[in-house]
Amino acid sequence: MKKTIVALYSAFLAFKDYLFREWVMSIPFHAVRRFFIHQTISKLGEKGFVMMKVEFRNGKNIEIGDGCFINKHTLLDGRGGRLVIGNHVDIAQEVNIWTLSHDPHDDFHRVWGKDVVIEDYAWIASRVTIMPGVRIGRGAVVAAGSIVTKDVAPMAMVAGVPAKVVGERKSGLKYKLDWEPWFK
């Protein structure tokens, strides 16, 4: 009997996750999505924008700061640790941010997790993958297609697989991300 209740509860949670991911995050009105996102994740800052088709995994461990722009088809994983996104962070489309991974050296394919922190004014370009345990420094830029396996210093510009420093950002970081498309 107890196993049946646990199985039913697990199925309910999976269905709830499905409804949020496939239905709520497909609603073309940001105000409606924002209401449900606010109920799902730990913190959602003011004046930010989360586009359609963003996927949250264990939102209770995800914090998003003020004025962030998170583009479509982005995956935000909070299963293996906390995912903290600072203020005015620009995350382009198809970015994957992982806090959980498998240990390739473990005979039983066990998982391990670590927090990921993305500090204020960071810019994460399209199709970037950020692995568990990484800290992206304030104002850092991660070039498109990069895989970030180690911390990125503030104001550094990184690119490649794995990501390596290719330059330094020269900006006063005075902007505020406040653009909101009508139906995205």
N, C-alpha and C. Protein backbone atom coordinates (compact mmCIF):
# COMPACT_ATOMS: atom_id res chain seq x y z
N MET A 1 0.81 -1.20 0.00
CA MET A 1 0.00 0.00 0.00
C MET A 1 0.86 1.27 0.00
N LYS A 2 1.90 1.27 0.85
CA LYS A 2 2.77 2.44 0.96
C LYS A 2 3.49 2.69 -0.37
N LYS A 3 3.96 1.63 -1.03
CA LYS A 3 4.63 1.76 -2.33
C LYS A 3 3.69 2.34 -3.38
N THR A 4 2.43 1.97 -3.32
CA THR A 4 1.43 2.49 -4.26
C THR A 4 1.23 3.98 -4.05
N ILE A 5 1.16 4.42 -2.81
CA ILE A 5 0.99 5.84 -2.51
C ILE A 5 2.21 6.63 -2.98
N VAL A 6 3.39 6.11 -2.72
CA VAL A 6 4.62 6.77 -3.15
C VAL A 6 4.66 6.85 -4.68
N ALA A 7 4.28 5.77 -5.36
CA ALA A 7 4.26 5.76 -6.82
C ALA A 7 3.25 6.77 -7.37
N LEU A 8 2.08 6.84 -6.76
CA LEU A 8 1.07 7.81 -7.20
C LEU A 8 1.54 9.24 -6.98
N TYR A 9 2.16 9.49 -5.83
CA TYR A 9 2.68 10.83 -5.55
C TYR A 9 3.78 11.21 -6.54
N SER A 10 4.66 10.26 -6.84
CA SER A 10 5.72 10.51 -7.83
C SER A 10 5.13 10.81 -9.21
N ALA A 11 4.10 10.07 -9.58
CA ALA A 11 3.43 10.31 -10.86
C ALA A 11 2.77 11.68 -10.88
N PHE A 12 2.16 12.08 -9.76
CA PHE A 12 1.56 13.40 -9.66
C PHE A 12 2.60 14.50 -9.84
N LEU A 13 3.75 14.37 -9.17
CA LEU A 13 4.82 15.36 -9.30
C LEU A 13 5.35 15.42 -10.73
N ALA A 14 5.50 14.27 -11.37
CA ALA A 14 5.97 14.23 -12.76
C ALA A 14 4.97 14.91 -13.68
N PHE A 15 3.69 14.68 -13.45
CA PHE A 15 2.65 15.30 -14.28
C PHE A 15 2.62 16.82 -14.06
N LYS A 16 2.77 17.24 -12.82
CA LYS A 16 2.83 18.68 -12.50
C LYS A 16 4.01 19.33 -13.22
N ASP A 17 5.18 18.68 -13.20
CA ASP A 17 6.36 19.18 -13.90
C ASP A 17 6.11 19.25 -15.40
N TYR A 18 5.47 18.23 -15.94
CA TYR A 18 5.13 18.21 -17.37
C TYR A 18 4.22 19.39 -17.72
N LEU A 19 3.16 19.60 -16.94
CA LEU A 19 2.23 20.71 -17.20
C LEU A 19 2.95 22.05 -17.19
N PHE A 20 3.82 22.24 -16.19
CA PHE A 20 4.57 23.51 -16.10
C PHE A 20 5.48 23.67 -17.30
N ARG A 21 6.27 22.66 -17.61
CA ARG A 21 7.26 22.73 -18.69
C ARG A 21 6.61 22.88 -20.06
N GLU A 22 5.60 22.08 -20.36
CA GLU A 22 5.04 22.03 -21.70
C GLU A 22 3.86 22.98 -21.93
N TRP A 23 3.13 23.30 -20.88
CA TRP A 23 1.95 24.15 -21.06
C TRP A 23 2.21 25.57 -20.55
N VAL A 24 2.53 25.70 -19.28
CA VAL A 24 2.71 27.04 -18.71
C VAL A 24 3.82 27.80 -19.41
N MET A 25 4.96 27.13 -19.64
CA MET A 25 6.08 27.83 -20.26
C MET A 25 5.89 28.03 -21.77
N SER A 26 4.73 27.63 -22.29
CA SER A 26 4.39 27.89 -23.69
C SER A 26 3.35 29.00 -23.83
N ILE A 27 2.89 29.53 -22.73
CA ILE A 27 1.90 30.63 -22.76
C ILE A 27 2.60 31.87 -23.30
N PRO A 28 2.01 32.51 -24.34
CA PRO A 28 2.69 33.64 -24.98
C PRO A 28 2.55 34.97 -24.24
N PHE A 29 2.16 34.95 -22.99
CA PHE A 29 2.03 36.18 -22.22
C PHE A 29 2.93 36.11 -21.00
N HIS A 30 3.93 36.99 -20.98
CA HIS A 30 4.95 36.94 -19.93
C HIS A 30 4.36 37.10 -18.54
N ALA A 31 3.38 37.95 -18.37
CA ALA A 31 2.80 38.18 -17.03
C ALA A 31 2.22 36.90 -16.45
N VAL A 32 1.60 36.09 -17.29
CA VAL A 32 1.03 34.82 -16.83
C VAL A 32 2.15 33.85 -16.47
N ARG A 33 3.14 33.72 -17.37
CA ARG A 33 4.28 32.83 -17.08
C ARG A 33 4.99 33.28 -15.81
N ARG A 34 5.19 34.58 -15.67
CA ARG A 34 5.90 35.13 -14.51
C ARG A 34 5.18 34.74 -13.21
N PHE A 35 3.86 34.79 -13.19
CA PHE A 35 3.10 34.39 -12.02
C PHE A 35 3.44 32.95 -11.62
N PHE A 36 3.42 32.05 -12.59
CA PHE A 36 3.69 30.63 -12.29
C PHE A 36 5.17 30.38 -11.98
N ILE A 37 6.06 31.09 -12.66
CA ILE A 37 7.49 30.95 -12.37
C ILE A 37 7.75 31.37 -10.92
N HIS A 38 7.12 32.46 -10.51
CA HIS A 38 7.27 32.97 -9.15
C HIS A 38 6.86 31.91 -8.12
N GLN A 39 5.89 31.07 -8.46
CA GLN A 39 5.43 30.01 -7.57
C GLN A 39 6.37 28.80 -7.60
N THR A 40 7.18 28.70 -8.63
CA THR A 40 7.98 27.50 -8.87
C THR A 40 9.42 27.60 -8.40
N ILE A 41 10.03 28.80 -8.53
CA ILE A 41 11.44 28.92 -8.17
C ILE A 41 11.59 29.66 -6.84
N SER A 42 12.79 29.60 -6.28
CA SER A 42 13.06 30.18 -4.97
C SER A 42 12.95 31.70 -4.98
N LYS A 43 13.51 32.35 -6.03
CA LYS A 43 13.49 33.82 -6.11
C LYS A 43 13.43 34.24 -7.56
N LEU A 44 12.56 35.19 -7.86
CA LEU A 44 12.48 35.79 -9.18
C LEU A 44 12.49 37.29 -8.99
N GLY A 45 13.57 37.93 -9.44
CA GLY A 45 13.75 39.37 -9.25
C GLY A 45 12.77 40.21 -10.04
N GLU A 46 12.83 41.50 -9.80
CA GLU A 46 11.97 42.47 -10.47
C GLU A 46 12.46 42.76 -11.89
N LYS A 47 11.55 43.15 -12.74
CA LYS A 47 11.80 43.64 -14.10
C LYS A 47 12.64 42.71 -14.96
N GLY A 48 12.67 41.45 -14.64
CA GLY A 48 13.36 40.48 -15.50
C GLY A 48 12.39 39.92 -16.52
N PHE A 49 12.92 39.15 -17.45
CA PHE A 49 12.07 38.56 -18.48
C PHE A 49 12.54 37.15 -18.76
N VAL A 50 11.62 36.20 -18.65
CA VAL A 50 11.90 34.80 -18.95
C VAL A 50 11.05 34.42 -20.15
N MET A 51 11.70 34.11 -21.26
CA MET A 51 10.97 33.79 -22.49
C MET A 51 10.29 32.43 -22.40
N MET A 52 9.48 32.16 -23.41
CA MET A 52 8.80 30.87 -23.49
C MET A 52 9.82 29.74 -23.63
N LYS A 53 9.41 28.54 -23.20
CA LYS A 53 10.18 27.31 -23.38
C LYS A 53 11.47 27.25 -22.55
N VAL A 54 11.56 28.04 -21.47
CA VAL A 54 12.67 27.88 -20.53
C VAL A 54 12.29 26.72 -19.62
N GLU A 55 13.25 25.82 -19.36
CA GLU A 55 12.98 24.64 -18.53
C GLU A 55 13.67 24.77 -17.18
N PHE A 56 12.89 24.62 -16.12
CA PHE A 56 13.41 24.65 -14.75
C PHE A 56 13.41 23.23 -14.21
N ARG A 57 14.52 22.82 -13.61
CA ARG A 57 14.58 21.53 -12.92
C ARG A 57 14.87 21.80 -11.45
N ASN A 58 13.95 21.38 -10.59
CA ASN A 58 13.99 21.65 -9.16
C ASN A 58 14.15 23.15 -8.90
N GLY A 59 13.11 23.88 -9.22
CA GLY A 59 13.11 25.33 -9.09
C GLY A 59 13.32 25.84 -7.68
N LYS A 60 13.11 25.02 -6.69
CA LYS A 60 13.29 25.46 -5.31
C LYS A 60 14.75 25.84 -5.02
N ASN A 61 15.68 25.39 -5.86
CA ASN A 61 17.10 25.73 -5.70
C ASN A 61 17.57 26.78 -6.70
N ILE A 62 16.64 27.46 -7.36
CA ILE A 62 17.01 28.43 -8.40
C ILE A 62 16.61 29.83 -7.97
N GLU A 63 17.58 30.76 -8.05
CA GLU A 63 17.35 32.17 -7.75
C GLU A 63 17.74 33.00 -8.97
N ILE A 64 16.85 33.90 -9.37
CA ILE A 64 17.11 34.79 -10.50
C ILE A 64 16.98 36.22 -10.01
N GLY A 65 18.02 37.03 -10.23
CA GLY A 65 18.06 38.41 -9.74
C GLY A 65 17.23 39.37 -10.57
N ASP A 66 17.34 40.65 -10.25
CA ASP A 66 16.61 41.71 -10.92
C ASP A 66 17.12 41.93 -12.34
N GLY A 67 16.20 42.26 -13.24
CA GLY A 67 16.55 42.69 -14.59
C GLY A 67 17.25 41.65 -15.44
N CYS A 68 17.06 40.38 -15.17
CA CYS A 68 17.69 39.33 -15.99
C CYS A 68 16.86 39.04 -17.23
N PHE A 69 17.52 38.68 -18.30
CA PHE A 69 16.84 38.26 -19.52
C PHE A 69 17.28 36.83 -19.80
N ILE A 70 16.32 35.90 -19.78
CA ILE A 70 16.62 34.50 -20.02
C ILE A 70 15.86 34.08 -21.28
N ASN A 71 16.60 33.73 -22.31
CA ASN A 71 16.03 33.47 -23.62
C ASN A 71 15.45 32.07 -23.73
N LYS A 72 14.75 31.82 -24.83
CA LYS A 72 14.02 30.57 -25.04
C LYS A 72 14.93 29.35 -25.11
N HIS A 73 14.37 28.21 -24.78
CA HIS A 73 15.03 26.90 -24.82
C HIS A 73 16.28 26.84 -23.94
N THR A 74 16.24 27.56 -22.83
CA THR A 74 17.32 27.51 -21.85
C THR A 74 16.93 26.52 -20.76
N LEU A 75 17.90 25.74 -20.27
CA LEU A 75 17.68 24.79 -19.20
C LEU A 75 18.39 25.29 -17.95
N LEU A 76 17.64 25.44 -16.86
CA LEU A 76 18.18 25.86 -15.58
C LEU A 76 17.98 24.72 -14.59
N ASP A 77 19.07 24.10 -14.17
CA ASP A 77 19.04 22.89 -13.35
C ASP A 77 19.38 23.21 -11.90
N GLY A 78 18.46 22.90 -10.98
CA GLY A 78 18.72 23.09 -9.57
C GLY A 78 18.72 21.79 -8.80
N ARG A 79 18.86 20.67 -9.48
CA ARG A 79 18.77 19.36 -8.81
C ARG A 79 19.98 19.02 -7.97
N GLY A 80 21.18 19.45 -8.36
CA GLY A 80 22.39 19.03 -7.66
C GLY A 80 22.95 20.05 -6.70
N GLY A 81 22.35 21.23 -6.67
CA GLY A 81 22.81 22.31 -5.82
C GLY A 81 22.04 23.56 -6.17
N ARG A 82 22.46 24.66 -5.59
CA ARG A 82 21.79 25.94 -5.87
C ARG A 82 22.30 26.53 -7.18
N LEU A 83 21.39 27.14 -7.92
CA LEU A 83 21.73 27.91 -9.10
C LEU A 83 21.35 29.34 -8.79
N VAL A 84 22.35 30.22 -8.67
CA VAL A 84 22.12 31.61 -8.33
C VAL A 84 22.54 32.48 -9.51
N ILE A 85 21.57 33.22 -10.05
CA ILE A 85 21.82 34.12 -11.17
C ILE A 85 21.66 35.54 -10.63
N GLY A 86 22.71 36.35 -10.75
CA GLY A 86 22.71 37.71 -10.22
C GLY A 86 21.80 38.66 -10.98
N ASN A 87 22.03 39.95 -10.81
CA ASN A 87 21.22 40.99 -11.43
C ASN A 87 21.74 41.34 -12.83
N HIS A 88 20.81 41.64 -13.74
CA HIS A 88 21.11 42.09 -15.10
C HIS A 88 22.00 41.11 -15.87
N VAL A 89 21.73 39.85 -15.69
CA VAL A 89 22.43 38.79 -16.42
C VAL A 89 21.67 38.52 -17.71
N ASP A 90 22.40 38.44 -18.81
CA ASP A 90 21.82 38.18 -20.12
C ASP A 90 22.19 36.75 -20.53
N ILE A 91 21.18 35.88 -20.63
CA ILE A 91 21.39 34.49 -21.01
C ILE A 91 20.69 34.26 -22.34
N ALA A 92 21.46 33.94 -23.36
CA ALA A 92 20.92 33.75 -24.71
C ALA A 92 20.22 32.40 -24.82
N GLN A 93 19.69 32.14 -26.02
CA GLN A 93 18.91 30.92 -26.20
C GLN A 93 19.76 29.66 -26.24
N GLU A 94 19.12 28.55 -25.86
CA GLU A 94 19.68 27.21 -25.89
C GLU A 94 20.89 27.02 -24.98
N VAL A 95 20.91 27.74 -23.86
CA VAL A 95 21.96 27.60 -22.86
C VAL A 95 21.55 26.50 -21.88
N ASN A 96 22.49 25.67 -21.45
CA ASN A 96 22.26 24.64 -20.44
C ASN A 96 23.15 24.92 -19.24
N ILE A 97 22.52 25.11 -18.09
CA ILE A 97 23.27 25.35 -16.86
C ILE A 97 22.97 24.20 -15.91
N TRP A 98 23.99 23.39 -15.63
CA TRP A 98 23.84 22.15 -14.86
C TRP A 98 24.42 22.29 -13.46
N THR A 99 23.68 21.81 -12.46
CA THR A 99 24.23 21.65 -11.11
C THR A 99 24.40 20.18 -10.76
N LEU A 100 24.01 19.30 -11.68
CA LEU A 100 24.07 17.86 -11.44
C LEU A 100 24.71 17.17 -12.64
N SER A 101 25.60 16.22 -12.36
CA SER A 101 26.26 15.47 -13.43
C SER A 101 26.58 14.07 -12.92
N HIS A 102 27.01 13.22 -13.83
CA HIS A 102 27.44 11.86 -13.46
C HIS A 102 28.96 11.84 -13.32
N ASP A 103 29.43 10.99 -12.43
CA ASP A 103 30.87 10.80 -12.24
C ASP A 103 31.34 9.76 -13.25
N PRO A 104 32.16 10.14 -14.24
CA PRO A 104 32.58 9.18 -15.26
C PRO A 104 33.52 8.10 -14.71
N HIS A 105 34.07 8.31 -13.52
CA HIS A 105 35.00 7.34 -12.94
C HIS A 105 34.32 6.38 -11.97
N ASP A 106 33.04 6.58 -11.73
CA ASP A 106 32.32 5.74 -10.77
C ASP A 106 31.79 4.49 -11.45
N ASP A 107 32.04 3.35 -10.85
CA ASP A 107 31.59 2.07 -11.42
C ASP A 107 30.07 1.97 -11.54
N PHE A 108 29.35 2.77 -10.74
CA PHE A 108 27.89 2.69 -10.72
C PHE A 108 27.23 3.93 -11.31
N HIS A 109 28.02 4.77 -12.02
CA HIS A 109 27.47 5.93 -12.74
C HIS A 109 26.74 6.88 -11.79
N ARG A 110 27.27 7.02 -10.58
CA ARG A 110 26.63 7.88 -9.58
C ARG A 110 26.66 9.34 -10.01
N VAL A 111 25.72 10.09 -9.45
CA VAL A 111 25.65 11.52 -9.74
C VAL A 111 26.36 12.31 -8.65
N TRP A 112 26.77 13.51 -9.00
CA TRP A 112 27.34 14.45 -8.04
C TRP A 112 26.83 15.84 -8.43
N GLY A 113 26.74 16.69 -7.45
CA GLY A 113 26.23 18.02 -7.72
C GLY A 113 26.98 19.10 -6.97
N LYS A 114 26.96 20.30 -7.53
CA LYS A 114 27.57 21.47 -6.90
C LYS A 114 26.82 22.71 -7.35
N ASP A 115 26.89 23.75 -6.53
CA ASP A 115 26.25 25.02 -6.85
C ASP A 115 26.88 25.65 -8.09
N VAL A 116 26.08 26.46 -8.78
CA VAL A 116 26.56 27.30 -9.87
C VAL A 116 26.13 28.73 -9.54
N VAL A 117 27.06 29.67 -9.67
CA VAL A 117 26.77 31.08 -9.41
C VAL A 117 27.16 31.89 -10.64
N ILE A 118 26.22 32.71 -11.10
CA ILE A 118 26.48 33.63 -12.20
C ILE A 118 26.28 35.02 -11.64
N GLU A 119 27.36 35.79 -11.55
CA GLU A 119 27.31 37.09 -10.90
C GLU A 119 26.71 38.17 -11.82
N ASP A 120 26.44 39.33 -11.23
CA ASP A 120 25.80 40.44 -11.93
C ASP A 120 26.47 40.78 -13.26
N TYR A 121 25.66 41.17 -14.23
CA TYR A 121 26.07 41.67 -15.55
C TYR A 121 26.82 40.65 -16.41
N ALA A 122 26.80 39.40 -16.04
CA ALA A 122 27.42 38.39 -16.90
C ALA A 122 26.58 38.25 -18.18
N TRP A 123 27.24 37.87 -19.24
CA TRP A 123 26.59 37.70 -20.54
C TRP A 123 26.94 36.30 -21.03
N ILE A 124 25.94 35.45 -21.12
CA ILE A 124 26.12 34.07 -21.55
C ILE A 124 25.52 33.95 -22.95
N ALA A 125 26.33 33.71 -23.96
CA ALA A 125 25.87 33.68 -25.35
C ALA A 125 25.20 32.34 -25.68
N SER A 126 24.68 32.24 -26.89
CA SER A 126 23.90 31.07 -27.32
C SER A 126 24.66 29.76 -27.23
N ARG A 127 23.91 28.72 -26.87
CA ARG A 127 24.38 27.33 -26.85
C ARG A 127 25.58 27.09 -25.95
N VAL A 128 25.69 27.83 -24.88
CA VAL A 128 26.74 27.61 -23.89
C VAL A 128 26.27 26.53 -22.93
N THR A 129 27.21 25.71 -22.46
CA THR A 129 26.95 24.74 -21.40
C THR A 129 27.83 25.10 -20.21
N ILE A 130 27.20 25.25 -19.05
CA ILE A 130 27.92 25.54 -17.81
C ILE A 130 27.76 24.33 -16.91
N MET A 131 28.89 23.78 -16.47
CA MET A 131 28.91 22.56 -15.68
C MET A 131 28.83 22.84 -14.18
N PRO A 132 28.52 21.84 -13.35
CA PRO A 132 28.38 22.04 -11.91
C PRO A 132 29.65 22.60 -11.27
N GLY A 133 29.44 23.43 -10.25
CA GLY A 133 30.56 23.96 -9.47
C GLY A 133 31.22 25.19 -10.04
N VAL A 134 30.67 25.76 -11.10
CA VAL A 134 31.29 26.90 -11.78
C VAL A 134 30.75 28.21 -11.23
N ARG A 135 31.63 29.21 -11.13
CA ARG A 135 31.25 30.59 -10.80
C ARG A 135 31.66 31.47 -11.98
N ILE A 136 30.67 32.19 -12.52
CA ILE A 136 30.93 33.14 -13.60
C ILE A 136 30.99 34.51 -12.94
N GLY A 137 32.14 35.19 -13.04
CA GLY A 137 32.36 36.45 -12.36
C GLY A 137 31.55 37.61 -12.92
N ARG A 138 31.49 38.68 -12.15
CA ARG A 138 30.75 39.89 -12.50
C ARG A 138 31.23 40.44 -13.85
N GLY A 139 30.28 40.64 -14.76
CA GLY A 139 30.59 41.24 -16.05
C GLY A 139 31.29 40.33 -17.02
N ALA A 140 31.47 39.06 -16.70
CA ALA A 140 32.16 38.13 -17.60
C ALA A 140 31.29 37.84 -18.82
N VAL A 141 31.94 37.48 -19.93
CA VAL A 141 31.26 37.12 -21.17
C VAL A 141 31.69 35.72 -21.56
N VAL A 142 30.71 34.86 -21.85
CA VAL A 142 31.00 33.50 -22.32
C VAL A 142 30.52 33.42 -23.76
N ALA A 143 31.45 33.16 -24.68
CA ALA A 143 31.15 33.15 -26.11
C ALA A 143 30.27 31.97 -26.50
N ALA A 144 29.57 32.13 -27.60
CA ALA A 144 28.63 31.12 -28.10
C ALA A 144 29.31 29.76 -28.27
N GLY A 145 28.60 28.71 -27.88
CA GLY A 145 29.07 27.35 -28.06
C GLY A 145 30.11 26.87 -27.07
N SER A 146 30.47 27.68 -26.12
CA SER A 146 31.50 27.31 -25.15
C SER A 146 30.97 26.32 -24.12
N ILE A 147 31.89 25.52 -23.57
CA ILE A 147 31.57 24.65 -22.44
C ILE A 147 32.43 25.10 -21.28
N VAL A 148 31.78 25.57 -20.22
CA VAL A 148 32.48 26.14 -19.07
C VAL A 148 32.61 25.08 -17.99
N THR A 149 33.85 24.69 -17.70
CA THR A 149 34.12 23.66 -16.70
C THR A 149 34.83 24.20 -15.47
N LYS A 150 35.32 25.46 -15.56
CA LYS A 150 36.05 26.09 -14.45
C LYS A 150 35.55 27.51 -14.26
N ASP A 151 35.84 28.08 -13.10
CA ASP A 151 35.41 29.44 -12.79
C ASP A 151 35.92 30.43 -13.85
N VAL A 152 35.12 31.48 -14.07
CA VAL A 152 35.47 32.55 -15.00
C VAL A 152 35.62 33.82 -14.17
N ALA A 153 36.77 34.47 -14.30
CA ALA A 153 37.06 35.68 -13.51
C ALA A 153 36.15 36.83 -13.93
N PRO A 154 35.92 37.78 -13.02
CA PRO A 154 35.14 38.96 -13.38
C PRO A 154 35.74 39.67 -14.60
N MET A 155 34.87 40.12 -15.49
CA MET A 155 35.20 40.88 -16.70
C MET A 155 36.00 40.08 -17.73
N ALA A 156 36.22 38.80 -17.50
CA ALA A 156 36.93 37.97 -18.49
C ALA A 156 35.99 37.61 -19.63
N MET A 157 36.56 37.44 -20.81
CA MET A 157 35.83 36.94 -21.96
C MET A 157 36.42 35.58 -22.27
N VAL A 158 35.56 34.55 -22.27
CA VAL A 158 36.03 33.19 -22.50
C VAL A 158 35.32 32.59 -23.70
N ALA A 159 36.02 31.63 -24.34
CA ALA A 159 35.45 30.94 -25.50
C ALA A 159 36.10 29.57 -25.62
N GLY A 160 35.38 28.65 -26.26
CA GLY A 160 35.96 27.36 -26.60
C GLY A 160 35.44 26.20 -25.78
N VAL A 161 36.02 25.03 -26.11
CA VAL A 161 35.65 23.78 -25.47
C VAL A 161 36.95 23.10 -25.03
N PRO A 162 37.29 23.12 -23.76
CA PRO A 162 36.64 23.86 -22.69
C PRO A 162 36.95 25.36 -22.81
N ALA A 163 36.13 26.19 -22.17
CA ALA A 163 36.27 27.64 -22.26
C ALA A 163 37.59 28.11 -21.66
N LYS A 164 38.26 28.98 -22.42
CA LYS A 164 39.52 29.58 -21.98
C LYS A 164 39.45 31.09 -22.20
N VAL A 165 40.21 31.85 -21.43
CA VAL A 165 40.20 33.31 -21.53
C VAL A 165 40.73 33.73 -22.90
N VAL A 166 39.96 34.59 -23.58
CA VAL A 166 40.37 35.12 -24.89
C VAL A 166 40.46 36.64 -24.89
N GLY A 167 40.04 37.26 -23.80
CA GLY A 167 40.09 38.71 -23.72
C GLY A 167 39.52 39.20 -22.41
N GLU A 168 39.44 40.54 -22.32
CA GLU A 168 38.89 41.17 -21.13
C GLU A 168 37.84 42.19 -21.56
N ARG A 169 36.72 42.18 -20.89
CA ARG A 169 35.63 43.09 -21.20
C ARG A 169 35.97 44.48 -20.70
N LYS A 170 35.71 45.47 -21.53
CA LYS A 170 35.97 46.86 -21.16
C LYS A 170 34.64 47.60 -21.22
N SER A 171 33.92 47.58 -20.11
CA SER A 171 32.60 48.20 -20.02
C SER A 171 32.40 48.69 -18.61
N GLY A 172 31.68 49.80 -18.48
CA GLY A 172 31.35 50.32 -17.16
C GLY A 172 30.17 49.60 -16.53
N LEU A 173 29.53 48.70 -17.28
CA LEU A 173 28.40 47.90 -16.81
C LEU A 173 27.31 48.78 -16.19
N LYS A 174 26.91 49.80 -16.92
CA LYS A 174 25.91 50.75 -16.41
C LYS A 174 24.51 50.47 -16.95
N TYR A 175 24.38 49.49 -17.80
CA TYR A 175 23.09 49.22 -18.44
C TYR A 175 22.16 48.45 -17.51
N LYS A 176 20.88 48.50 -17.86
CA LYS A 176 19.84 47.71 -17.18
C LYS A 176 19.09 46.96 -18.27
N LEU A 177 18.91 45.66 -18.11
CA LEU A 177 18.17 44.86 -19.08
C LEU A 177 16.68 45.00 -18.76
N ASP A 178 15.95 45.68 -19.66
CA ASP A 178 14.53 45.88 -19.39
C ASP A 178 13.66 45.72 -20.64
N TRP A 179 14.19 45.11 -21.67
CA TRP A 179 13.44 44.90 -22.89
C TRP A 179 12.48 43.73 -22.71
N GLU A 180 11.24 43.91 -23.14
CA GLU A 180 10.25 42.84 -23.08
C GLU A 180 9.50 42.77 -24.39
N PRO A 181 9.65 41.71 -25.15
CA PRO A 181 8.86 41.58 -26.38
C PRO A 181 7.39 41.36 -26.04
N TRP A 182 6.51 41.69 -26.95
CA TRP A 182 5.09 41.59 -26.70
C TRP A 182 4.62 40.15 -26.48
N PHE A 183 5.00 39.25 -27.35
CA PHE A 183 4.45 37.89 -27.28
C PHE A 183 5.52 36.82 -27.25
N LYS A 184 6.48 36.90 -26.41
CA LYS A 184 7.53 35.88 -26.34
C LYS A 184 7.63 35.39 -24.95
